[in-house]
């Protein structure tokens, strides 16, 4: 399976040290999250519900 990875628009920081890429895995698998500086280092696989929960938690955290 070929995954098309997309770099987050929020990636960056000093020396581009905060780099996250997302990839839509097979529908029954979910969403992949990886470090764009180390694309061969593996990825975290999340279900759509887990991904939504993490995004919502991050939004709440940054609002404070």
N, C-alpha and C. Protein backbone atom coordinates (compact mmCIF):
# COMPACT_ATOMS: atom_id res chain seq x y z
N UNK A 1 0.85 -1.19 0.00
CA UNK A 1 0.00 0.00 0.00
C UNK A 1 0.89 1.24 0.00
N UNK A 2 0.62 2.16 -0.87
CA UNK A 2 1.34 3.43 -0.94
C UNK A 2 0.53 4.48 -0.18
N UNK A 3 1.18 5.12 0.78
CA UNK A 3 0.53 6.14 1.59
C UNK A 3 1.03 7.50 1.14
N UNK A 4 0.12 8.42 0.89
CA UNK A 4 0.48 9.79 0.54
C UNK A 4 0.54 10.57 1.86
N UNK A 5 1.74 10.95 2.27
CA UNK A 5 1.93 11.69 3.51
C UNK A 5 1.83 13.18 3.25
N UNK A 6 1.26 13.88 4.22
CA UNK A 6 1.07 15.33 4.11
C UNK A 6 1.61 15.98 5.36
N UNK A 7 2.49 16.96 5.19
CA UNK A 7 3.08 17.65 6.32
C UNK A 7 2.07 18.61 6.92
N UNK A 8 1.98 18.61 8.23
CA UNK A 8 1.06 19.50 8.92
C UNK A 8 1.43 20.96 8.68
N UNK A 9 0.43 21.80 8.50
CA UNK A 9 0.67 23.23 8.32
C UNK A 9 1.18 23.87 9.61
N UNK A 10 1.05 23.18 10.74
CA UNK A 10 1.53 23.69 12.02
C UNK A 10 2.95 23.21 12.33
N UNK A 11 3.53 22.42 11.44
CA UNK A 11 4.90 21.97 11.65
C UNK A 11 5.85 23.14 11.49
N UNK A 12 6.98 23.04 12.12
CA UNK A 12 7.98 24.11 12.00
C UNK A 12 8.76 24.25 13.28
N UNK A 13 8.85 25.47 13.76
CA UNK A 13 9.65 25.73 14.95
C UNK A 13 11.07 26.06 14.56
N UNK A 14 11.90 26.30 15.56
CA UNK A 14 13.30 26.60 15.31
C UNK A 14 13.94 25.42 14.60
N UNK A 15 14.61 25.71 13.50
CA UNK A 15 15.27 24.67 12.69
C UNK A 15 14.32 23.58 12.24
N UNK A 16 13.05 23.90 12.11
CA UNK A 16 12.05 22.95 11.61
C UNK A 16 12.04 21.65 12.44
N UNK A 17 12.18 21.82 13.78
CA UNK A 17 12.31 20.65 14.65
C UNK A 17 10.98 20.02 15.04
N UNK A 18 9.87 20.67 14.78
CA UNK A 18 8.56 20.11 15.11
C UNK A 18 7.83 19.78 13.82
N UNK A 19 8.07 18.60 13.30
CA UNK A 19 7.54 18.24 11.99
C UNK A 19 6.70 16.97 12.07
N UNK A 20 5.43 17.12 11.76
CA UNK A 20 4.50 16.00 11.81
C UNK A 20 3.88 15.82 10.44
N UNK A 21 3.78 14.57 10.01
CA UNK A 21 3.09 14.25 8.77
C UNK A 21 1.94 13.30 9.06
N UNK A 22 0.87 13.46 8.29
CA UNK A 22 -0.30 12.60 8.41
C UNK A 22 -0.49 11.84 7.11
N UNK A 23 -0.94 10.61 7.23
CA UNK A 23 -1.20 9.81 6.05
C UNK A 23 -2.48 9.02 6.23
N UNK A 24 -3.31 9.02 5.20
CA UNK A 24 -4.54 8.25 5.23
C UNK A 24 -4.18 6.81 4.86
N UNK A 25 -4.26 5.93 5.85
CA UNK A 25 -3.97 4.52 5.62
C UNK A 25 -5.22 3.87 5.02
N UNK A 26 -5.20 2.60 4.81
CA UNK A 26 -6.39 1.92 4.27
C UNK A 26 -7.59 2.23 5.18
N UNK A 27 -8.79 2.33 4.61
CA UNK A 27 -9.96 2.71 5.40
C UNK A 27 -10.16 1.88 6.67
N UNK A 28 -9.84 0.61 6.62
CA UNK A 28 -10.03 -0.23 7.81
C UNK A 28 -8.88 -0.09 8.81
N UNK A 29 -7.82 0.64 8.41
CA UNK A 29 -6.65 0.79 9.28
C UNK A 29 -6.70 2.10 10.06
N UNK A 30 -6.86 3.21 9.38
CA UNK A 30 -6.97 4.50 10.07
C UNK A 30 -6.03 5.55 9.52
N UNK A 31 -5.48 6.37 10.43
CA UNK A 31 -4.66 7.52 10.09
C UNK A 31 -3.26 7.29 10.65
N UNK A 32 -2.26 7.53 9.82
CA UNK A 32 -0.88 7.40 10.26
C UNK A 32 -0.32 8.75 10.63
N UNK A 33 0.50 8.78 11.68
CA UNK A 33 1.17 10.00 12.13
C UNK A 33 2.65 9.66 12.25
N UNK A 34 3.51 10.48 11.63
CA UNK A 34 4.94 10.20 11.71
C UNK A 34 5.74 11.50 11.79
N UNK A 35 7.00 11.35 12.15
CA UNK A 35 7.95 12.45 12.21
C UNK A 35 8.53 12.64 10.80
N UNK A 36 8.31 13.80 10.21
CA UNK A 36 8.77 14.00 8.84
C UNK A 36 10.28 14.03 8.72
N UNK A 37 10.99 14.26 9.82
CA UNK A 37 12.44 14.24 9.78
C UNK A 37 12.98 12.82 9.77
N UNK A 38 12.14 11.85 10.13
CA UNK A 38 12.54 10.45 10.17
C UNK A 38 11.45 9.58 9.54
N UNK A 39 11.20 9.73 8.24
CA UNK A 39 10.09 9.03 7.60
C UNK A 39 10.20 7.51 7.61
N UNK A 40 11.42 7.00 7.77
CA UNK A 40 11.59 5.54 7.81
C UNK A 40 11.54 5.00 9.23
N UNK A 41 11.29 5.87 10.20
CA UNK A 41 11.29 5.46 11.60
C UNK A 41 9.97 4.89 12.07
N UNK A 42 9.05 4.65 11.17
CA UNK A 42 7.76 4.11 11.55
C UNK A 42 6.72 5.20 11.77
N UNK A 43 5.53 4.78 12.11
CA UNK A 43 4.45 5.74 12.33
C UNK A 43 3.50 5.20 13.40
N UNK A 44 2.75 6.10 13.96
CA UNK A 44 1.70 5.78 14.92
C UNK A 44 0.41 5.63 14.12
N UNK A 45 -0.33 4.57 14.37
CA UNK A 45 -1.60 4.35 13.68
C UNK A 45 -2.74 4.64 14.63
N UNK A 46 -3.64 5.52 14.21
CA UNK A 46 -4.80 5.91 15.01
C UNK A 46 -6.09 5.65 14.24
N UNK A 47 -7.12 5.26 14.97
CA UNK A 47 -8.44 5.17 14.35
C UNK A 47 -8.93 6.60 14.14
N UNK A 48 -9.91 6.82 13.28
CA UNK A 48 -10.44 8.18 13.12
C UNK A 48 -10.93 8.76 14.46
N UNK A 49 -11.53 7.95 15.31
CA UNK A 49 -12.02 8.44 16.60
C UNK A 49 -10.85 8.85 17.50
N UNK A 50 -9.78 8.07 17.51
CA UNK A 50 -8.60 8.42 18.31
C UNK A 50 -7.98 9.71 17.80
N UNK A 51 -7.88 9.85 16.49
CA UNK A 51 -7.30 11.05 15.90
C UNK A 51 -8.13 12.28 16.27
N UNK A 52 -9.44 12.17 16.16
CA UNK A 52 -10.32 13.28 16.53
C UNK A 52 -10.15 13.64 18.00
N UNK A 53 -10.05 12.65 18.86
CA UNK A 53 -9.87 12.89 20.29
C UNK A 53 -8.56 13.63 20.56
N UNK A 54 -7.48 13.22 19.91
CA UNK A 54 -6.20 13.90 20.10
C UNK A 54 -6.27 15.34 19.63
N UNK A 55 -6.86 15.57 18.47
CA UNK A 55 -6.98 16.93 17.94
C UNK A 55 -7.80 17.79 18.91
N UNK A 56 -8.90 17.26 19.42
CA UNK A 56 -9.73 18.02 20.37
C UNK A 56 -8.96 18.33 21.65
N UNK A 57 -8.17 17.38 22.13
CA UNK A 57 -7.36 17.61 23.33
C UNK A 57 -6.31 18.69 23.08
N UNK A 58 -5.68 18.65 21.91
CA UNK A 58 -4.69 19.66 21.58
C UNK A 58 -5.32 21.06 21.48
N UNK A 59 -6.51 21.12 20.91
CA UNK A 59 -7.20 22.42 20.82
C UNK A 59 -7.52 22.95 22.19
N UNK A 60 -7.99 22.09 23.09
CA UNK A 60 -8.29 22.54 24.46
C UNK A 60 -7.03 22.99 25.17
N UNK A 61 -5.95 22.29 24.96
CA UNK A 61 -4.69 22.60 25.62
C UNK A 61 -4.15 23.95 25.16
N UNK A 62 -4.26 24.25 23.87
CA UNK A 62 -3.71 25.51 23.34
C UNK A 62 -4.61 26.70 23.64
N UNK A 63 -5.84 26.45 24.04
CA UNK A 63 -6.76 27.56 24.36
C UNK A 63 -6.48 28.12 25.75
N UNK A 64 -5.74 27.41 26.56
CA UNK A 64 -5.50 27.84 27.95
C UNK A 64 -4.26 28.64 28.09
